[in-house]
Amino acid sequence: MSSNFENLDVWKKSCRLSVELWKQLKNCKEFWLKEQILRSALSIPSNIAEGCERNSKADFRRFNNIAKGSSAELRTQIYIVAATNVLKKSQAMKFIDDLKSITKMLQSLINSLNR
């Protein structure tokens, strides 16, 4: 394994999603909710990076599985904030689509590590 997580499209996409979520929730007065969502969002690219830096295929696979779990956690939170109008439904659906794409990308990466 090499430590080139910055070249991974899934890492780039999950970083962009984290930044966009931060921008959308910057003025959210529900601080506990914003903090939980941003923690989940930041967990995705952070786990990808950490797994890659460990220079072990098994660790990289494990951390990508953790990132995939964080993606599902975040998707759940986005559904809830959409239902409670913390985010506009159209913006929430964009985030959900992005998260579904990130999950597929992570699964493909995990599958490649299983070979």
PDB file of N, CA and C in Angstrom:
ATOM      1  N   MET A   1       0.851  -1.182   0.000  1.00  0.00           N
ATOM      2  CA  MET A   1       0.000   0.000   0.000  1.00  0.00           C
ATOM      3  C   MET A   1       0.888   1.233   0.000  1.00  0.00           C
ATOM      4  N   SER A   2       0.450   2.218  -0.722  1.00  0.00           N
ATOM      5  CA  SER A   2       1.160   3.495  -0.685  1.00  0.00           C
ATOM      6  C   SER A   2       0.235   4.544  -0.090  1.00  0.00           C
ATOM      7  N   SER A   3       0.835   5.583   0.440  1.00  0.00           N
ATOM      8  CA  SER A   3       0.025   6.623   1.094  1.00  0.00           C
ATOM      9  C   SER A   3      -0.308   7.720   0.093  1.00  0.00           C
ATOM     10  N   ASN A   4      -1.235   7.421  -0.800  1.00  0.00           N
ATOM     11  CA  ASN A   4      -1.642   8.393  -1.819  1.00  0.00           C
ATOM     12  C   ASN A   4      -3.153   8.591  -1.800  1.00  0.00           C
ATOM     13  N   PHE A   5      -3.688   8.694  -0.592  1.00  0.00           N
ATOM     14  CA  PHE A   5      -5.142   8.831  -0.476  1.00  0.00           C
ATOM     15  C   PHE A   5      -5.648  10.075  -1.182  1.00  0.00           C
ATOM     16  N   GLU A   6      -4.793  11.107  -1.316  1.00  0.00           N
ATOM     17  CA  GLU A   6      -5.210  12.340  -1.990  1.00  0.00           C
ATOM     18  C   GLU A   6      -5.567  12.116  -3.455  1.00  0.00           C
ATOM     19  N   ASN A   7      -5.116  10.998  -4.013  1.00  0.00           N
ATOM     20  CA  ASN A   7      -5.422  10.677  -5.406  1.00  0.00           C
ATOM     21  C   ASN A   7      -6.711   9.884  -5.567  1.00  0.00           C
ATOM     22  N   LEU A   8      -7.299   9.441  -4.474  1.00  0.00           N
ATOM     23  CA  LEU A   8      -8.511   8.620  -4.544  1.00  0.00           C
ATOM     24  C   LEU A   8      -9.737   9.499  -4.774  1.00  0.00           C
ATOM     25  N   ASP A   9     -10.498   9.187  -5.818  1.00  0.00           N
ATOM     26  CA  ASP A   9     -11.705   9.964  -6.125  1.00  0.00           C
ATOM     27  C   ASP A   9     -12.707   9.928  -4.975  1.00  0.00           C
ATOM     28  N   VAL A  10     -12.812   8.800  -4.290  1.00  0.00           N
ATOM     29  CA  VAL A  10     -13.768   8.685  -3.188  1.00  0.00           C
ATOM     30  C   VAL A  10     -13.360   9.601  -2.029  1.00  0.00           C
ATOM     31  N   TRP A  11     -12.061   9.739  -1.792  1.00  0.00           N
ATOM     32  CA  TRP A  11     -11.584  10.654  -0.747  1.00  0.00           C
ATOM     33  C   TRP A  11     -11.907  12.097  -1.134  1.00  0.00           C
ATOM     34  N   LYS A  12     -11.628  12.448  -2.397  1.00  0.00           N
ATOM     35  CA  LYS A  12     -11.903  13.809  -2.879  1.00  0.00           C
ATOM     36  C   LYS A  12     -13.395  14.132  -2.777  1.00  0.00           C
ATOM     37  N   LYS A  13     -14.227  13.200  -3.222  1.00  0.00           N
ATOM     38  CA  LYS A  13     -15.673  13.430  -3.211  1.00  0.00           C
ATOM     39  C   LYS A  13     -16.194  13.568  -1.782  1.00  0.00           C
ATOM     40  N   SER A  14     -15.701  12.743  -0.882  1.00  0.00           N
ATOM     41  CA  SER A  14     -16.173  12.821   0.507  1.00  0.00           C
ATOM     42  C   SER A  14     -15.662  14.084   1.200  1.00  0.00           C
ATOM     43  N   CYS A  15     -14.494  14.578   0.827  1.00  0.00           N
ATOM     44  CA  CYS A  15     -14.020  15.872   1.357  1.00  0.00           C
ATOM     45  C   CYS A  15     -14.910  17.008   0.867  1.00  0.00           C
ATOM     46  N   ARG A  16     -15.226  16.997  -0.420  1.00  0.00           N
ATOM     47  CA  ARG A  16     -16.110  18.038  -0.969  1.00  0.00           C
ATOM     48  C   ARG A  16     -17.468  18.024  -0.283  1.00  0.00           C
ATOM     49  N   LEU A  17     -17.991  16.829  -0.042  1.00  0.00           N
ATOM     50  CA  LEU A  17     -19.282  16.711   0.632  1.00  0.00           C
ATOM     51  C   LEU A  17     -19.197  17.293   2.050  1.00  0.00           C
ATOM     52  N   SER A  18     -18.128  17.025   2.764  1.00  0.00           N
ATOM     53  CA  SER A  18     -17.955  17.561   4.116  1.00  0.00           C
ATOM     54  C   SER A  18     -17.935  19.085   4.108  1.00  0.00           C
ATOM     55  N   VAL A  19     -17.229  19.655   3.155  1.00  0.00           N
ATOM     56  CA  VAL A  19     -17.155  21.117   3.048  1.00  0.00           C
ATOM     57  C   VAL A  19     -18.530  21.699   2.737  1.00  0.00           C
ATOM     58  N   GLU A  20     -19.233  21.074   1.804  1.00  0.00           N
ATOM     59  CA  GLU A  20     -20.550  21.580   1.412  1.00  0.00           C
ATOM     60  C   GLU A  20     -21.548  21.474   2.566  1.00  0.00           C
ATOM     61  N   LEU A  21     -21.488  20.373   3.302  1.00  0.00           N
ATOM     62  CA  LEU A  21     -22.365  20.235   4.468  1.00  0.00           C
ATOM     63  C   LEU A  21     -22.060  21.318   5.498  1.00  0.00           C
ATOM     64  N   TRP A  22     -20.792  21.562   5.741  1.00  0.00           N
ATOM     65  CA  TRP A  22     -20.410  22.613   6.691  1.00  0.00           C
ATOM     66  C   TRP A  22     -20.995  23.955   6.259  1.00  0.00           C
ATOM     67  N   LYS A  23     -20.881  24.263   4.972  1.00  0.00           N
ATOM     68  CA  LYS A  23     -21.429  25.526   4.464  1.00  0.00           C
ATOM     69  C   LYS A  23     -22.941  25.591   4.657  1.00  0.00           C
ATOM     70  N   GLN A  24     -23.632  24.493   4.367  1.00  0.00           N
ATOM     71  CA  GLN A  24     -25.087  24.473   4.472  1.00  0.00           C
ATOM     72  C   GLN A  24     -25.565  24.572   5.919  1.00  0.00           C
ATOM     73  N   LEU A  25     -24.776  24.045   6.842  1.00  0.00           N
ATOM     74  CA  LEU A  25     -25.194  24.011   8.246  1.00  0.00           C
ATOM     75  C   LEU A  25     -24.526  25.087   9.105  1.00  0.00           C
ATOM     76  N   LYS A  26     -23.771  25.955   8.460  1.00  0.00           N
ATOM     77  CA  LYS A  26     -22.998  26.971   9.198  1.00  0.00           C
ATOM     78  C   LYS A  26     -23.866  27.769  10.161  1.00  0.00           C
ATOM     79  N   ASN A  27     -25.069  28.097   9.765  1.00  0.00           N
ATOM     80  CA  ASN A  27     -25.947  28.916  10.601  1.00  0.00           C
ATOM     81  C   ASN A  27     -26.999  28.109  11.364  1.00  0.00           C
ATOM     82  N   CYS A  28     -26.862  26.815  11.348  1.00  0.00           N
ATOM     83  CA  CYS A  28     -27.811  25.956  12.072  1.00  0.00           C
ATOM     84  C   CYS A  28     -27.676  26.225  13.571  1.00  0.00           C
ATOM     85  N   LYS A  29     -28.793  26.519  14.198  1.00  0.00           N
ATOM     86  CA  LYS A  29     -28.791  26.833  15.632  1.00  0.00           C
ATOM     87  C   LYS A  29     -28.868  25.579  16.502  1.00  0.00           C
ATOM     88  N   GLU A  30     -29.145  24.457  15.890  1.00  0.00           N
ATOM     89  CA  GLU A  30     -29.162  23.178  16.613  1.00  0.00           C
ATOM     90  C   GLU A  30     -27.730  22.644  16.639  1.00  0.00           C
ATOM     91  N   PHE A  31     -26.932  23.170  17.563  1.00  0.00           N
ATOM     92  CA  PHE A  31     -25.500  22.880  17.563  1.00  0.00           C
ATOM     93  C   PHE A  31     -25.200  21.404  17.739  1.00  0.00           C
ATOM     94  N   TRP A  32     -25.936  20.718  18.579  1.00  0.00           N
ATOM     95  CA  TRP A  32     -25.709  19.290  18.803  1.00  0.00           C
ATOM     96  C   TRP A  32     -25.940  18.501  17.523  1.00  0.00           C
ATOM     97  N   LEU A  33     -26.955  18.915  16.755  1.00  0.00           N
ATOM     98  CA  LEU A  33     -27.275  18.239  15.501  1.00  0.00           C
ATOM     99  C   LEU A  33     -26.196  18.511  14.454  1.00  0.00           C
ATOM    100  N   LYS A  34     -25.823  19.776  14.334  1.00  0.00           N
ATOM    101  CA  LYS A  34     -24.778  20.147  13.378  1.00  0.00           C
ATOM    102  C   LYS A  34     -23.474  19.405  13.698  1.00  0.00           C
ATOM    103  N   GLU A  35     -23.121  19.353  14.968  1.00  0.00           N
ATOM    104  CA  GLU A  35     -21.886  18.680  15.373  1.00  0.00           C
ATOM    105  C   GLU A  35     -21.922  17.193  15.021  1.00  0.00           C
ATOM    106  N   GLN A  36     -23.036  16.541  15.272  1.00  0.00           N
ATOM    107  CA  GLN A  36     -23.157  15.114  14.971  1.00  0.00           C
ATOM    108  C   GLN A  36     -23.045  14.855  13.473  1.00  0.00           C
ATOM    109  N   ILE A  37     -23.715  15.671  12.680  1.00  0.00           N
ATOM    110  CA  ILE A  37     -23.675  15.506  11.226  1.00  0.00           C
ATOM    111  C   ILE A  37     -22.263  15.740  10.694  1.00  0.00           C
ATOM    112  N   LEU A  38     -21.621  16.790  11.168  1.00  0.00           N
ATOM    113  CA  LEU A  38     -20.274  17.091  10.680  1.00  0.00           C
ATOM    114  C   LEU A  38     -19.270  16.039  11.129  1.00  0.00           C
ATOM    115  N   ARG A  39     -19.447  15.477  12.302  1.00  0.00           N
ATOM    116  CA  ARG A  39     -18.567  14.382  12.739  1.00  0.00           C
ATOM    117  C   ARG A  39     -18.707  13.176  11.817  1.00  0.00           C
ATOM    118  N   SER A  40     -19.936  12.843  11.474  1.00  0.00           N
ATOM    119  CA  SER A  40     -20.165  11.721  10.560  1.00  0.00           C
ATOM    120  C   SER A  40     -19.542  12.015   9.196  1.00  0.00           C
ATOM    121  N   ALA A  41     -19.753  13.226   8.714  1.00  0.00           N
ATOM    122  CA  ALA A  41     -19.216  13.600   7.396  1.00  0.00           C
ATOM    123  C   ALA A  41     -17.693  13.552   7.385  1.00  0.00           C
ATOM    124  N   LEU A  42     -17.068  14.095   8.412  1.00  0.00           N
ATOM    125  CA  LEU A  42     -15.603  14.121   8.471  1.00  0.00           C
ATOM    126  C   LEU A  42     -15.008  12.729   8.667  1.00  0.00           C
ATOM    127  N   SER A  43     -15.789  11.845   9.237  1.00  0.00           N
ATOM    128  CA  SER A  43     -15.321  10.491   9.469  1.00  0.00           C
ATOM    129  C   SER A  43     -15.055   9.743   8.160  1.00  0.00           C
ATOM    130  N   ILE A  44     -15.791  10.062   7.134  1.00  0.00           N
ATOM    131  CA  ILE A  44     -15.647   9.325   5.865  1.00  0.00           C
ATOM    132  C   ILE A  44     -14.256   9.538   5.258  1.00  0.00           C
ATOM    133  N   PRO A  45     -13.871  10.772   4.876  1.00  0.00           N
ATOM    134  CA  PRO A  45     -12.538  10.932   4.283  1.00  0.00           C
ATOM    135  C   PRO A  45     -11.415  10.661   5.285  1.00  0.00           C
ATOM    136  N   SER A  46     -11.671  10.923   6.566  1.00  0.00           N
ATOM    137  CA  SER A  46     -10.631  10.690   7.576  1.00  0.00           C
ATOM    138  C   SER A  46     -10.287   9.210   7.685  1.00  0.00           C
ATOM    139  N   ASN A  47     -11.295   8.347   7.664  1.00  0.00           N
ATOM    140  CA  ASN A  47     -11.030   6.909   7.738  1.00  0.00           C
ATOM    141  C   ASN A  47     -10.382   6.378   6.466  1.00  0.00           C
ATOM    142  N   ILE A  48     -10.774   6.929   5.327  1.00  0.00           N
ATOM    143  CA  ILE A  48     -10.117   6.535   4.072  1.00  0.00           C
ATOM    144  C   ILE A  48      -8.629   6.860   4.159  1.00  0.00           C
ATOM    145  N   ALA A  49      -8.318   8.081   4.591  1.00  0.00           N
ATOM    146  CA  ALA A  49      -6.920   8.520   4.697  1.00  0.00           C
ATOM    147  C   ALA A  49      -6.147   7.680   5.714  1.00  0.00           C
ATOM    148  N   GLU A  50      -6.744   7.483   6.883  1.00  0.00           N
ATOM    149  CA  GLU A  50      -6.044   6.727   7.919  1.00  0.00           C
ATOM    150  C   GLU A  50      -5.754   5.304   7.469  1.00  0.00           C
ATOM    151  N   GLY A  51      -6.732   4.656   6.865  1.00  0.00           N
ATOM    152  CA  GLY A  51      -6.521   3.294   6.388  1.00  0.00           C
ATOM    153  C   GLY A  51      -5.436   3.211   5.340  1.00  0.00           C
ATOM    154  N   CYS A  52      -5.417   4.182   4.461  1.00  0.00           N
ATOM    155  CA  CYS A  52      -4.405   4.201   3.397  1.00  0.00           C
ATOM    156  C   CYS A  52      -2.999   4.383   3.975  1.00  0.00           C
ATOM    157  N   GLU A  53      -2.882   5.225   4.966  1.00  0.00           N
ATOM    158  CA  GLU A  53      -1.580   5.527   5.566  1.00  0.00           C
ATOM    159  C   GLU A  53      -1.024   4.369   6.392  1.00  0.00           C
ATOM    160  N   ARG A  54      -1.837   3.423   6.743  1.00  0.00           N
ATOM    161  CA  ARG A  54      -1.373   2.314   7.580  1.00  0.00           C
ATOM    162  C   ARG A  54      -0.549   1.298   6.793  1.00  0.00           C
ATOM    163  N   ASN A  55      -0.540   1.410   5.477  1.00  0.00           N
ATOM    164  CA  ASN A  55       0.291   0.549   4.632  1.00  0.00           C
ATOM    165  C   ASN A  55       0.017  -0.942   4.824  1.00  0.00           C
ATOM    166  N   SER A  56      -1.236  -1.263   5.063  1.00  0.00           N
ATOM    167  CA  SER A  56      -1.647  -2.653   5.200  1.00  0.00           C
ATOM    168  C   SER A  56      -2.977  -2.816   4.479  1.00  0.00           C
ATOM    169  N   LYS A  57      -3.035  -3.793   3.597  1.00  0.00           N
ATOM    170  CA  LYS A  57      -4.261  -4.035   2.850  1.00  0.00           C
ATOM    171  C   LYS A  57      -5.429  -4.331   3.794  1.00  0.00           C
ATOM    172  N   ALA A  58      -5.170  -5.113   4.824  1.00  0.00           N
ATOM    173  CA  ALA A  58      -6.229  -5.463   5.785  1.00  0.00           C
ATOM    174  C   ALA A  58      -6.719  -4.211   6.517  1.00  0.00           C
ATOM    175  N   ASP A  59      -5.800  -3.350   6.951  1.00  0.00           N
ATOM    176  CA  ASP A  59      -6.197  -2.116   7.629  1.00  0.00           C
ATOM    177  C   ASP A  59      -6.936  -1.178   6.683  1.00  0.00           C
ATOM    178  N   PHE A  60      -6.467  -1.070   5.457  1.00  0.00           N
ATOM    179  CA  PHE A  60      -7.126  -0.199   4.485  1.00  0.00           C
ATOM    180  C   PHE A  60      -8.557  -0.672   4.243  1.00  0.00           C
ATOM    181  N   ARG A  61      -8.723  -1.978   4.106  1.00  0.00           N
ATOM    182  CA  ARG A  61     -10.062  -2.546   3.915  1.00  0.00           C
ATOM    183  C   ARG A  61     -10.940  -2.258   5.143  1.00  0.00           C
ATOM    184  N   ARG A  62     -10.407  -2.461   6.344  1.00  0.00           N
ATOM    185  CA  ARG A  62     -11.162  -2.237   7.580  1.00  0.00           C
ATOM    186  C   ARG A  62     -11.588  -0.776   7.711  1.00  0.00           C
ATOM    187  N   PHE A  63     -10.681   0.153   7.444  1.00  0.00           N
ATOM    188  CA  PHE A  63     -11.017   1.569   7.570  1.00  0.00           C
ATOM    189  C   PHE A  63     -11.981   2.030   6.484  1.00  0.00           C
ATOM    190  N   ASN A  64     -11.913   1.416   5.314  1.00  0.00           N
ATOM    191  CA  ASN A  64     -12.898   1.739   4.277  1.00  0.00           C
ATOM    192  C   ASN A  64     -14.280   1.222   4.665  1.00  0.00           C
ATOM    193  N   ASN A  65     -14.327   0.098   5.359  1.00  0.00           N
ATOM    194  CA  ASN A  65     -15.606  -0.394   5.880  1.00  0.00           C
ATOM    195  C   ASN A  65     -16.162   0.555   6.942  1.00  0.00           C
ATOM    196  N   ILE A  66     -15.295   1.103   7.765  1.00  0.00           N
ATOM    197  CA  ILE A  66     -15.736   2.082   8.759  1.00  0.00           C
ATOM    198  C   ILE A  66     -16.272   3.325   8.053  1.00  0.00           C
ATOM    199  N   ALA A  67     -15.561   3.788   7.010  1.00  0.00           N
ATOM    200  CA  ALA A  67     -16.015   4.951   6.237  1.00  0.00           C
ATOM    201  C   ALA A  67     -17.371   4.678   5.599  1.00  0.00           C
ATOM    202  N   LYS A  68     -17.563   3.469   5.112  1.00  0.00           N
ATOM    203  CA  LYS A  68     -18.844   3.092   4.512  1.00  0.00           C
ATOM    204  C   LYS A  68     -19.960   3.135   5.558  1.00  0.00           C
ATOM    205  N   GLY A  69     -19.667   2.687   6.762  1.00  0.00           N
ATOM    206  CA  GLY A  69     -20.635   2.771   7.846  1.00  0.00           C
ATOM    207  C   GLY A  69     -20.960   4.217   8.196  1.00  0.00           C
ATOM    208  N   SER A  70     -19.957   5.075   8.193  1.00  0.00           N
ATOM    209  CA  SER A  70     -20.177   6.504   8.467  1.00  0.00           C
ATOM    210  C   SER A  70     -21.034   7.131   7.382  1.00  0.00           C
ATOM    211  N   SER A  71     -20.876   6.674   6.157  1.00  0.00           N
ATOM    212  CA  SER A  71     -21.691   7.177   5.053  1.00  0.00           C
ATOM    213  C   SER A  71     -23.167   6.833   5.285  1.00  0.00           C
ATOM    214  N   ALA A  72     -23.431   5.616   5.738  1.00  0.00           N
ATOM    215  CA  ALA A  72     -24.815   5.212   6.035  1.00  0.00           C
ATOM    216  C   ALA A  72     -25.364   6.002   7.217  1.00  0.00           C
ATOM    217  N   GLU A  73     -24.530   6.215   8.231  1.00  0.00           N
ATOM    218  CA  GLU A  73     -24.945   7.012   9.389  1.00  0.00           C
ATOM    219  C   GLU A  73     -25.308   8.430   8.956  1.00  0.00           C
ATOM    220  N   LEU A  74     -24.464   9.023   8.126  1.00  0.00           N
ATOM    221  CA  LEU A  74     -24.708  10.382   7.653  1.00  0.00           C
ATOM    222  C   LEU A  74     -25.959  10.444   6.777  1.00  0.00           C
ATOM    223  N   ARG A  75     -26.157   9.447   5.932  1.00  0.00           N
ATOM    224  CA  ARG A  75     -27.352   9.418   5.087  1.00  0.00           C
ATOM    225  C   ARG A  75     -28.610   9.416   5.953  1.00  0.00           C
ATOM    226  N   THR A  76     -28.596   8.646   7.023  1.00  0.00           N
ATOM    227  CA  THR A  76     -29.723   8.604   7.951  1.00  0.00           C
ATOM    228  C   THR A  76     -29.972   9.980   8.554  1.00  0.00           C
ATOM    229  N   GLN A  77     -28.920  10.637   8.973  1.00  0.00           N
ATOM    230  CA  GLN A  77     -29.043  11.971   9.573  1.00  0.00           C
ATOM    231  C   GLN A  77     -29.577  12.988   8.562  1.00  0.00           C
ATOM    232  N   ILE A  78     -29.158  12.871   7.310  1.00  0.00           N
ATOM    233  CA  ILE A  78     -29.633  13.788   6.271  1.00  0.00           C
ATOM    234  C   ILE A  78     -31.126  13.565   6.018  1.00  0.00           C
ATOM    235  N   TYR A  79     -31.579  12.311   6.006  1.00  0.00           N
ATOM    236  CA  TYR A  79     -33.013  12.053   5.869  1.00  0.00           C
ATOM    237  C   TYR A  79     -33.788  12.747   6.988  1.00  0.00           C
ATOM    238  N   ILE A  80     -33.267  12.682   8.192  1.00  0.00           N
ATOM    239  CA  ILE A  80     -33.955  13.270   9.344  1.00  0.00           C
ATOM    240  C   ILE A  80     -33.968  14.792   9.257  1.00  0.00           C
ATOM    241  N   VAL A  81     -32.831  15.412   8.906  1.00  0.00           N
ATOM    242  CA  VAL A  81     -32.833  16.877   8.825  1.00  0.00           C
ATOM    243  C   VAL A  81     -33.673  17.372   7.652  1.00  0.00           C
ATOM    244  N   ALA A  82     -33.828  16.561   6.626  1.00  0.00           N
ATOM    245  CA  ALA A  82     -34.727  16.936   5.525  1.00  0.00           C
ATOM    246  C   ALA A  82     -36.173  16.894   5.997  1.00  0.00           C
ATOM    247  N   ALA A  83     -36.517  15.873   6.762  1.00  0.00           N
ATOM    248  CA  ALA A  83     -37.894  15.727   7.244  1.00  0.00           C
ATOM    249  C   ALA A  83     -38.270  16.811   8.244  1.00  0.00           C
ATOM    250  N   THR A  84     -37.271  17.361   8.914  1.00  0.00           N
ATOM    251  CA  THR A  84     -37.537  18.404   9.912  1.00  0.00           C
ATOM    252  C   THR A  84     -37.248  19.801   9.376  1.00  0.00           C
ATOM    253  N   ASN A  85     -36.977  19.879   8.078  1.00  0.00           N
ATOM    254  CA  ASN A  85     -36.738  21.149   7.385  1.00  0.00           C
ATOM    255  C   ASN A  85     -35.523  21.924   7.878  1.00  0.00           C
ATOM    256  N   VAL A  86     -34.557  21.241   8.461  1.00  0.00           N
ATOM    257  CA  VAL A  86     -33.285  21.883   8.800  1.00  0.00           C
ATOM    258  C   VAL A  86     -32.523  22.171   7.503  1.00  0.00           C
ATOM    259  N   LEU A  87     -32.660  21.256   6.544  1.00  0.00           N
ATOM    260  CA  LEU A  87     -32.117  21.441   5.189  1.00  0.00           C
ATOM    261  C   LEU A  87     -33.283  21.419   4.219  1.00  0.00           C
ATOM    262  N   LYS A  88     -33.132  22.146   3.133  1.00  0.00           N
ATOM    263  CA  LYS A  88     -34.124  22.068   2.064  1.00  0.00           C
ATOM    264  C   LYS A  88     -34.105  20.650   1.498  1.00  0.00           C
ATOM    265  N   LYS A  89     -35.269  20.153   1.163  1.00  0.00           N
ATOM    266  CA  LYS A  89     -35.368  18.781   0.655  1.00  0.00           C
ATOM    267  C   LYS A  89     -34.501  18.568  -0.594  1.00  0.00           C
ATOM    268  N   SER A  90     -34.464  19.559  -1.475  1.00  0.00           N
ATOM    269  CA  SER A  90     -33.663  19.418  -2.697  1.00  0.00           C
ATOM    270  C   SER A  90     -32.174  19.300  -2.367  1.00  0.00           C
ATOM    271  N   GLN A  91     -31.704  20.076  -1.404  1.00  0.00           N
ATOM    272  CA  GLN A  91     -30.296  20.008  -1.003  1.00  0.00           C
ATOM    273  C   GLN A  91     -30.019  18.684  -0.302  1.00  0.00           C
ATOM    274  N   ALA A  92     -30.938  18.269   0.547  1.00  0.00           N
ATOM    275  CA  ALA A  92     -30.769  16.997   1.252  1.00  0.00           C
ATOM    276  C   ALA A  92     -30.682  15.836   0.257  1.00  0.00           C
ATOM    277  N   MET A  93     -31.539  15.844  -0.759  1.00  0.00           N
ATOM    278  CA  MET A  93     -31.516  14.762  -1.750  1.00  0.00           C
ATOM    279  C   MET A  93     -30.209  14.744  -2.538  1.00  0.00           C
ATOM    280  N   LYS A  94     -29.640  15.901  -2.772  1.00  0.00           N
ATOM    281  CA  LYS A  94     -28.326  15.976  -3.438  1.00  0.00           C
ATOM    282  C   LYS A  94     -27.269  15.311  -2.554  1.00  0.00           C
ATOM    283  N   PHE A  95     -27.290  15.616  -1.259  1.00  0.00           N
ATOM    284  CA  PHE A  95     -26.349  14.983  -0.341  1.00  0.00           C
ATOM    285  C   PHE A  95     -26.559  13.473  -0.298  1.00  0.00           C
ATOM    286  N   ILE A  96     -27.807  13.042  -0.275  1.00  0.00           N
ATOM    287  CA  ILE A  96     -28.102  11.609  -0.235  1.00  0.00           C
ATOM    288  C   ILE A  96     -27.600  10.922  -1.495  1.00  0.00           C
ATOM    289  N   ASP A  97     -27.811  11.531  -2.649  1.00  0.00           N
ATOM    290  CA  ASP A  97     -27.287  10.965  -3.900  1.00  0.00           C
ATOM    291  C   ASP A  97     -25.763  10.866  -3.862  1.00  0.00           C
ATOM    292  N   ASP A  98     -25.118  11.927  -3.372  1.00  0.00           N
ATOM    293  CA  ASP A  98     -23.656  11.907  -3.256  1.00  0.00           C
ATOM    294  C   ASP A  98     -23.199  10.802  -2.313  1.00  0.00           C
ATOM    295  N   LEU A  99     -23.902  10.633  -1.201  1.00  0.00           N
ATOM    296  CA  LEU A  99     -23.529   9.594  -0.239  1.00  0.00           C
ATOM    297  C   LEU A  99     -23.739   8.197  -0.801  1.00  0.00           C
ATOM    298  N   LYS A 100     -24.788   8.012  -1.570  1.00  0.00           N
ATOM    299  CA  LYS A 100     -24.991   6.708  -2.219  1.00  0.00           C
ATOM    300  C   LYS A 100     -23.849   6.419  -3.184  1.00  0.00           C
ATOM    301  N   SER A 101     -23.417   7.437  -3.906  1.00  0.00           N
ATOM    302  CA  SER A 101     -22.292   7.287  -4.826  1.00  0.00           C
ATOM    303  C   SER A 101     -21.001   6.976  -4.056  1.00  0.00           C
ATOM    304  N   ILE A 102     -20.780   7.669  -2.958  1.00  0.00           N
ATOM    305  CA  ILE A 102     -19.589   7.422  -2.126  1.00  0.00           C
ATOM    306  C   ILE A 102     -19.611   5.994  -1.593  1.00  0.00           C
ATOM    307  N   THR A 103     -20.767   5.528  -1.157  1.00  0.00           N
ATOM    308  CA  THR A 103     -20.892   4.160  -0.651  1.00  0.00           C
ATOM    309  C   THR A 103     -20.534   3.148  -1.735  1.00  0.00           C
ATOM    310  N   LYS A 104     -21.029   3.377  -2.947  1.00  0.00           N
ATOM    311  CA  LYS A 104     -20.694   2.471  -4.061  1.00  0.00           C
ATOM    312  C   LYS A 104     -19.203   2.500  -4.361  1.00  0.00           C
ATOM    313  N   MET A 105     -18.620   3.689  -4.337  1.00  0.00           N
ATOM    314  CA  MET A 105     -17.178   3.815  -4.588  1.00  0.00           C
ATOM    315  C   MET A 105     -16.376   3.080  -3.510  1.00  0.00           C
ATOM    316  N   LEU A 106     -16.788   3.233  -2.262  1.00  0.00           N
ATOM    317  CA  LEU A 106     -16.105   2.530  -1.174  1.00  0.00           C
ATOM    318  C   LEU A 106     -16.241   1.022  -1.321  1.00  0.00           C
ATOM    319  N   GLN A 107     -17.442   0.549  -1.697  1.00  0.00           N
ATOM    320  CA  GLN A 107     -17.631  -0.887  -1.871  1.00  0.00           C
ATOM    321  C   GLN A 107     -16.753  -1.420  -2.994  1.00  0.00           C
ATOM    322  N   SER A 108     -16.626  -0.668  -4.070  1.00  0.00           N
ATOM    323  CA  SER A 108     -15.743  -1.077  -5.169  1.00  0.00           C
ATOM    324  C   SER A 108     -14.289  -1.161  -4.706  1.00  0.00           C
ATOM    325  N   LEU A 109     -13.884  -0.178  -3.907  1.00  0.00           N
ATOM    326  CA  LEU A 109     -12.526  -0.177  -3.377  1.00  0.00           C
ATOM    327  C   LEU A 109     -12.318  -1.378  -2.446  1.00  0.00           C
ATOM    328  N   ILE A 110     -13.279  -1.640  -1.596  1.00  0.00           N
ATOM    329  CA  ILE A 110     -13.202  -2.794  -0.687  1.00  0.00           C
ATOM    330  C   ILE A 110     -13.133  -4.089  -1.489  1.00  0.00           C
ATOM    331  N   ASN A 111     -13.970  -4.195  -2.524  1.00  0.00           N
ATOM    332  CA  ASN A 111     -13.946  -5.399  -3.371  1.00  0.00           C
ATOM    333  C   ASN A 111     -12.587  -5.593  -4.014  1.00  0.00           C
ATOM    334  N   SER A 112     -11.978  -4.495  -4.473  1.00  0.00           N
ATOM    335  CA  SER A 112     -10.656  -4.612  -5.107  1.00  0.00           C
ATOM    336  C   SER A 112      -9.601  -5.055  -4.094  1.00  0.00           C
ATOM    337  N   LEU A 113      -9.764  -4.661  -2.849  1.00  0.00           N
ATOM    338  CA  LEU A 113      -8.810  -5.061  -1.813  1.00  0.00           C
ATOM    339  C   LEU A 113      -9.014  -6.518  -1.413  1.00  0.00           C
ATOM    340  N   ASN A 114     -10.203  -7.060  -1.665  1.00  0.00           N
ATOM    341  CA  ASN A 114     -10.488  -8.455  -1.337  1.00  0.00           C
ATOM    342  C   ASN A 114      -9.907  -9.411  -2.360  1.00  0.00           C
ATOM    343  N   ARG A 115      -9.536  -8.907  -3.522  1.00  0.00           N
ATOM    344  CA  ARG A 115      -8.995  -9.790  -4.571  1.00  0.00           C
ATOM    345  C   ARG A 115      -7.565 -10.130  -4.323  1.00  0.00           C
TER     346      ARG A 115
END
